[in-house]
Amino acid sequence: MGKEYFFIENYSKKGKIGLSKNIFQEIAYYVLRSIDGVDFYETTAFKEYKPKIICNIRGSKVSLILSIRANYNYDIFVLSETIRKQIIQQIKVSTEVDLHKIDVRIEDVR
């Protein structure tokens, strides 16, 4: 089982900075909301589909597994690469952490 926190090297010697798995998951969700081609609509009223985002922290490596639904008429390969690039960039900018791996799984096309 992986760790719940990723600790950043703190050179000020005033303590450790720990980032929760939830931080990485929320950043990934925020990025997904901004990408055309990712489906968030649910067929039932008053409910929004939320992609499944799993964060694994093992040692000094952070990886994400995303299960999403894609909109029809989007190239799945291009969509997956766009998601990977934008999430890597946003996590790097927000946390200065380099992701080890991102798996994008398309579970449905609507």
N, C-alpha and C. Protein backbone atom coordinates (compact mmCIF):
# COMPACT_ATOMS: atom_id res chain seq x y z
N MET A 1 0.84 -1.18 0.00
CA MET A 1 0.00 0.00 0.00
C MET A 1 0.88 1.24 0.00
N GLY A 2 0.50 2.23 -0.78
CA GLY A 2 1.27 3.46 -0.90
C GLY A 2 1.08 4.39 0.28
N LYS A 3 1.83 5.44 0.27
CA LYS A 3 1.75 6.45 1.32
C LYS A 3 0.60 7.41 1.04
N GLU A 4 0.19 8.12 2.07
CA GLU A 4 -0.88 9.11 1.93
C GLU A 4 -0.34 10.50 1.62
N TYR A 5 0.95 10.74 1.90
CA TYR A 5 1.54 12.06 1.70
C TYR A 5 2.84 11.96 0.93
N PHE A 6 3.09 12.98 0.12
CA PHE A 6 4.37 13.12 -0.57
C PHE A 6 5.09 14.27 0.11
N PHE A 7 6.29 14.02 0.62
CA PHE A 7 7.03 15.04 1.35
C PHE A 7 8.03 15.73 0.44
N ILE A 8 8.01 17.06 0.47
CA ILE A 8 8.90 17.88 -0.34
C ILE A 8 10.13 18.24 0.48
N GLU A 9 11.27 18.18 -0.17
CA GLU A 9 12.52 18.57 0.49
C GLU A 9 12.42 20.04 0.88
N ASN A 10 12.59 20.32 2.15
CA ASN A 10 12.49 21.67 2.67
C ASN A 10 13.87 22.10 3.15
N TYR A 11 14.47 23.03 2.46
CA TYR A 11 15.83 23.44 2.78
C TYR A 11 15.93 24.48 3.90
N SER A 12 14.80 24.96 4.39
CA SER A 12 14.84 25.95 5.47
C SER A 12 15.03 25.30 6.84
N LYS A 13 14.90 23.99 6.92
CA LYS A 13 15.08 23.22 8.16
C LYS A 13 14.09 23.62 9.25
N LYS A 14 12.90 24.06 8.84
CA LYS A 14 11.87 24.44 9.81
C LYS A 14 10.71 23.44 9.80
N GLY A 15 10.92 22.29 9.20
CA GLY A 15 9.86 21.28 9.17
C GLY A 15 9.72 20.69 7.78
N LYS A 16 8.79 19.76 7.66
CA LYS A 16 8.53 19.09 6.40
C LYS A 16 7.27 19.66 5.76
N ILE A 17 7.24 19.60 4.44
CA ILE A 17 6.04 19.98 3.70
C ILE A 17 5.48 18.70 3.10
N GLY A 18 4.29 18.34 3.50
CA GLY A 18 3.66 17.12 2.99
C GLY A 18 2.45 17.46 2.14
N LEU A 19 2.38 16.84 0.96
CA LEU A 19 1.24 17.03 0.06
C LEU A 19 0.40 15.76 0.06
N SER A 20 -0.87 15.90 0.35
CA SER A 20 -1.79 14.77 0.40
C SER A 20 -2.10 14.27 -1.01
N LYS A 21 -2.52 13.01 -1.10
CA LYS A 21 -3.00 12.45 -2.36
C LYS A 21 -4.13 13.30 -2.94
N ASN A 22 -4.95 13.84 -2.05
CA ASN A 22 -6.10 14.64 -2.50
C ASN A 22 -5.68 15.86 -3.31
N ILE A 23 -4.53 16.44 -2.99
CA ILE A 23 -4.04 17.61 -3.73
C ILE A 23 -3.83 17.24 -5.19
N PHE A 24 -3.14 16.12 -5.43
CA PHE A 24 -2.87 15.70 -6.80
C PHE A 24 -4.16 15.33 -7.53
N GLN A 25 -5.10 14.71 -6.83
CA GLN A 25 -6.37 14.34 -7.44
C GLN A 25 -7.20 15.58 -7.79
N GLU A 26 -7.22 16.56 -6.92
CA GLU A 26 -7.99 17.78 -7.18
C GLU A 26 -7.38 18.60 -8.33
N ILE A 27 -6.07 18.66 -8.42
CA ILE A 27 -5.43 19.35 -9.53
C ILE A 27 -5.78 18.66 -10.83
N ALA A 28 -5.73 17.33 -10.85
CA ALA A 28 -6.07 16.57 -12.06
C ALA A 28 -7.54 16.82 -12.44
N TYR A 29 -8.43 16.84 -11.46
CA TYR A 29 -9.85 17.09 -11.73
C TYR A 29 -10.05 18.49 -12.31
N TYR A 30 -9.37 19.46 -11.73
CA TYR A 30 -9.45 20.84 -12.22
C TYR A 30 -9.01 20.92 -13.69
N VAL A 31 -7.93 20.24 -14.04
CA VAL A 31 -7.44 20.24 -15.42
C VAL A 31 -8.44 19.55 -16.33
N LEU A 32 -8.99 18.42 -15.90
CA LEU A 32 -9.97 17.70 -16.72
C LEU A 32 -11.18 18.57 -17.04
N ARG A 33 -11.60 19.39 -16.07
CA ARG A 33 -12.76 20.28 -16.29
C ARG A 33 -12.50 21.29 -17.40
N SER A 34 -11.23 21.59 -17.67
CA SER A 34 -10.91 22.62 -18.66
C SER A 34 -10.65 22.04 -20.07
N ILE A 35 -10.70 20.73 -20.22
CA ILE A 35 -10.37 20.11 -21.50
C ILE A 35 -11.64 19.73 -22.26
N ASP A 36 -11.75 20.24 -23.49
CA ASP A 36 -12.86 19.83 -24.36
C ASP A 36 -12.66 18.37 -24.73
N GLY A 37 -13.73 17.62 -24.72
CA GLY A 37 -13.66 16.22 -25.09
C GLY A 37 -13.83 15.28 -23.92
N VAL A 38 -13.76 15.82 -22.68
CA VAL A 38 -13.99 15.01 -21.49
C VAL A 38 -15.45 15.22 -21.09
N ASP A 39 -16.18 14.11 -20.95
CA ASP A 39 -17.62 14.17 -20.68
C ASP A 39 -17.89 14.20 -19.18
N PHE A 40 -18.70 15.19 -18.75
CA PHE A 40 -19.08 15.31 -17.34
C PHE A 40 -20.59 15.23 -17.14
N TYR A 41 -21.32 14.92 -18.19
CA TYR A 41 -22.78 14.96 -18.10
C TYR A 41 -23.34 13.59 -17.75
N GLU A 42 -24.27 13.57 -16.83
CA GLU A 42 -24.94 12.35 -16.41
C GLU A 42 -26.34 12.36 -16.98
N THR A 43 -26.86 11.18 -17.26
CA THR A 43 -28.18 11.09 -17.86
C THR A 43 -29.30 11.34 -16.84
N THR A 44 -29.03 11.15 -15.57
CA THR A 44 -30.05 11.41 -14.56
C THR A 44 -30.01 12.89 -14.16
N ALA A 45 -31.13 13.40 -13.76
CA ALA A 45 -31.24 14.82 -13.40
C ALA A 45 -30.47 15.12 -12.11
N PHE A 46 -29.92 16.32 -12.06
CA PHE A 46 -29.26 16.86 -10.87
C PHE A 46 -28.01 16.08 -10.45
N LYS A 47 -27.39 15.42 -11.36
CA LYS A 47 -26.20 14.65 -11.01
C LYS A 47 -25.13 14.85 -12.07
N GLU A 48 -23.92 15.07 -11.61
CA GLU A 48 -22.80 15.25 -12.53
C GLU A 48 -21.89 14.03 -12.45
N TYR A 49 -21.45 13.57 -13.60
CA TYR A 49 -20.50 12.47 -13.65
C TYR A 49 -19.13 12.99 -13.21
N LYS A 50 -18.48 12.27 -12.33
CA LYS A 50 -17.15 12.67 -11.88
C LYS A 50 -16.17 11.56 -12.25
N PRO A 51 -15.12 11.89 -13.01
CA PRO A 51 -14.13 10.87 -13.37
C PRO A 51 -13.46 10.28 -12.13
N LYS A 52 -13.04 9.03 -12.26
CA LYS A 52 -12.33 8.38 -11.17
C LYS A 52 -10.84 8.73 -11.28
N ILE A 53 -10.28 9.26 -10.21
CA ILE A 53 -8.87 9.65 -10.19
C ILE A 53 -8.23 9.00 -8.97
N ILE A 54 -7.23 8.16 -9.22
CA ILE A 54 -6.53 7.47 -8.15
C ILE A 54 -5.08 7.94 -8.15
N CYS A 55 -4.60 8.31 -6.98
CA CYS A 55 -3.21 8.75 -6.82
C CYS A 55 -2.46 7.71 -6.02
N ASN A 56 -1.29 7.31 -6.51
CA ASN A 56 -0.42 6.39 -5.80
C ASN A 56 0.90 7.09 -5.50
N ILE A 57 1.33 6.99 -4.25
CA ILE A 57 2.62 7.54 -3.85
C ILE A 57 3.46 6.39 -3.32
N ARG A 58 4.55 6.12 -4.00
CA ARG A 58 5.46 5.05 -3.59
C ARG A 58 6.87 5.62 -3.55
N GLY A 59 7.41 5.74 -2.38
CA GLY A 59 8.74 6.33 -2.23
C GLY A 59 8.71 7.77 -2.67
N SER A 60 9.53 8.10 -3.66
CA SER A 60 9.57 9.48 -4.17
C SER A 60 8.85 9.61 -5.51
N LYS A 61 7.96 8.64 -5.82
CA LYS A 61 7.25 8.64 -7.11
C LYS A 61 5.76 8.81 -6.90
N VAL A 62 5.19 9.75 -7.66
CA VAL A 62 3.75 9.99 -7.63
C VAL A 62 3.20 9.60 -9.00
N SER A 63 2.16 8.79 -9.00
CA SER A 63 1.51 8.42 -10.27
C SER A 63 0.01 8.55 -10.13
N LEU A 64 -0.65 8.78 -11.27
CA LEU A 64 -2.10 8.95 -11.31
C LEU A 64 -2.71 7.95 -12.28
N ILE A 65 -3.90 7.47 -11.93
CA ILE A 65 -4.72 6.65 -12.82
C ILE A 65 -6.04 7.39 -12.98
N LEU A 66 -6.39 7.72 -14.23
CA LEU A 66 -7.62 8.45 -14.53
C LEU A 66 -8.55 7.56 -15.34
N SER A 67 -9.79 7.43 -14.93
CA SER A 67 -10.81 6.73 -15.71
C SER A 67 -11.85 7.78 -16.10
N ILE A 68 -11.93 8.07 -17.39
CA ILE A 68 -12.80 9.16 -17.85
C ILE A 68 -13.73 8.68 -18.95
N ARG A 69 -14.71 9.51 -19.24
CA ARG A 69 -15.57 9.31 -20.40
C ARG A 69 -15.23 10.40 -21.41
N ALA A 70 -15.14 10.00 -22.66
CA ALA A 70 -14.81 10.96 -23.73
C ALA A 70 -16.08 11.30 -24.50
N ASN A 71 -16.08 12.51 -25.05
CA ASN A 71 -17.17 12.90 -25.93
C ASN A 71 -16.96 12.30 -27.31
N TYR A 72 -18.04 12.04 -27.99
CA TYR A 72 -18.01 11.50 -29.34
C TYR A 72 -17.34 12.51 -30.28
N ASN A 73 -16.69 12.04 -31.32
CA ASN A 73 -16.01 12.86 -32.35
C ASN A 73 -14.70 13.46 -31.87
N TYR A 74 -14.10 12.93 -30.84
CA TYR A 74 -12.77 13.35 -30.41
C TYR A 74 -11.81 12.19 -30.61
N ASP A 75 -10.63 12.50 -31.11
CA ASP A 75 -9.59 11.50 -31.28
C ASP A 75 -9.10 11.10 -29.88
N ILE A 76 -9.29 9.85 -29.51
CA ILE A 76 -8.98 9.39 -28.16
C ILE A 76 -7.49 9.50 -27.86
N PHE A 77 -6.64 9.19 -28.84
CA PHE A 77 -5.20 9.29 -28.62
C PHE A 77 -4.79 10.74 -28.35
N VAL A 78 -5.28 11.66 -29.17
CA VAL A 78 -4.95 13.09 -28.99
C VAL A 78 -5.51 13.58 -27.65
N LEU A 79 -6.73 13.18 -27.32
CA LEU A 79 -7.34 13.58 -26.05
C LEU A 79 -6.51 13.07 -24.87
N SER A 80 -6.07 11.82 -24.92
CA SER A 80 -5.26 11.25 -23.84
C SER A 80 -3.94 11.98 -23.68
N GLU A 81 -3.28 12.28 -24.79
CA GLU A 81 -2.00 13.00 -24.73
C GLU A 81 -2.19 14.43 -24.21
N THR A 82 -3.27 15.09 -24.61
CA THR A 82 -3.57 16.43 -24.11
C THR A 82 -3.78 16.40 -22.60
N ILE A 83 -4.53 15.43 -22.13
CA ILE A 83 -4.77 15.28 -20.69
C ILE A 83 -3.46 15.08 -19.95
N ARG A 84 -2.63 14.17 -20.43
CA ARG A 84 -1.34 13.89 -19.78
C ARG A 84 -0.47 15.15 -19.69
N LYS A 85 -0.31 15.82 -20.83
CA LYS A 85 0.56 16.99 -20.87
C LYS A 85 0.08 18.09 -19.94
N GLN A 86 -1.23 18.36 -19.97
CA GLN A 86 -1.75 19.46 -19.16
C GLN A 86 -1.70 19.15 -17.66
N ILE A 87 -1.96 17.90 -17.29
CA ILE A 87 -1.89 17.53 -15.88
C ILE A 87 -0.45 17.59 -15.39
N ILE A 88 0.48 17.06 -16.17
CA ILE A 88 1.90 17.12 -15.79
C ILE A 88 2.33 18.57 -15.60
N GLN A 89 1.94 19.43 -16.53
CA GLN A 89 2.33 20.84 -16.45
C GLN A 89 1.72 21.52 -15.22
N GLN A 90 0.43 21.30 -14.97
CA GLN A 90 -0.23 21.98 -13.86
C GLN A 90 0.29 21.50 -12.51
N ILE A 91 0.56 20.20 -12.38
CA ILE A 91 1.10 19.69 -11.12
C ILE A 91 2.51 20.22 -10.89
N LYS A 92 3.29 20.30 -11.95
CA LYS A 92 4.65 20.84 -11.84
C LYS A 92 4.62 22.30 -11.40
N VAL A 93 3.73 23.08 -12.01
CA VAL A 93 3.62 24.51 -11.67
C VAL A 93 3.10 24.68 -10.23
N SER A 94 2.12 23.88 -9.84
CA SER A 94 1.47 24.05 -8.54
C SER A 94 2.29 23.50 -7.38
N THR A 95 3.00 22.38 -7.60
CA THR A 95 3.64 21.70 -6.48
C THR A 95 5.14 21.47 -6.66
N GLU A 96 5.66 21.73 -7.85
CA GLU A 96 7.07 21.46 -8.20
C GLU A 96 7.40 19.97 -8.13
N VAL A 97 6.39 19.11 -8.29
CA VAL A 97 6.58 17.67 -8.27
C VAL A 97 6.51 17.14 -9.70
N ASP A 98 7.47 16.28 -10.06
CA ASP A 98 7.46 15.61 -11.36
C ASP A 98 6.70 14.29 -11.20
N LEU A 99 5.64 14.13 -11.98
CA LEU A 99 4.89 12.88 -11.92
C LEU A 99 5.69 11.75 -12.54
N HIS A 100 5.58 10.59 -11.95
CA HIS A 100 6.26 9.40 -12.47
C HIS A 100 5.49 8.82 -13.66
N LYS A 101 4.16 8.75 -13.53
CA LYS A 101 3.35 8.12 -14.57
C LYS A 101 1.90 8.59 -14.47
N ILE A 102 1.26 8.72 -15.63
CA ILE A 102 -0.18 9.00 -15.69
C ILE A 102 -0.79 7.99 -16.64
N ASP A 103 -1.74 7.20 -16.14
CA ASP A 103 -2.50 6.29 -16.99
C ASP A 103 -3.86 6.92 -17.24
N VAL A 104 -4.20 7.11 -18.51
CA VAL A 104 -5.51 7.64 -18.89
C VAL A 104 -6.30 6.49 -19.47
N ARG A 105 -7.38 6.15 -18.82
CA ARG A 105 -8.24 5.05 -19.26
C ARG A 105 -9.59 5.62 -19.71
N ILE A 106 -9.93 5.36 -20.95
CA ILE A 106 -11.23 5.80 -21.48
C ILE A 106 -12.22 4.69 -21.20
N GLU A 107 -13.18 4.96 -20.31
CA GLU A 107 -14.14 3.92 -19.94
C GLU A 107 -15.40 3.94 -20.80
N ASP A 108 -15.65 5.05 -21.49
CA ASP A 108 -16.84 5.13 -22.33
C ASP A 108 -16.71 6.32 -23.28
N VAL A 109 -17.43 6.26 -24.38
CA VAL A 109 -17.51 7.37 -25.33
C VAL A 109 -18.98 7.71 -25.49
N ARG A 110 -19.31 8.99 -25.32
CA ARG A 110 -20.71 9.43 -25.41
C ARG A 110 -20.86 10.55 -26.41
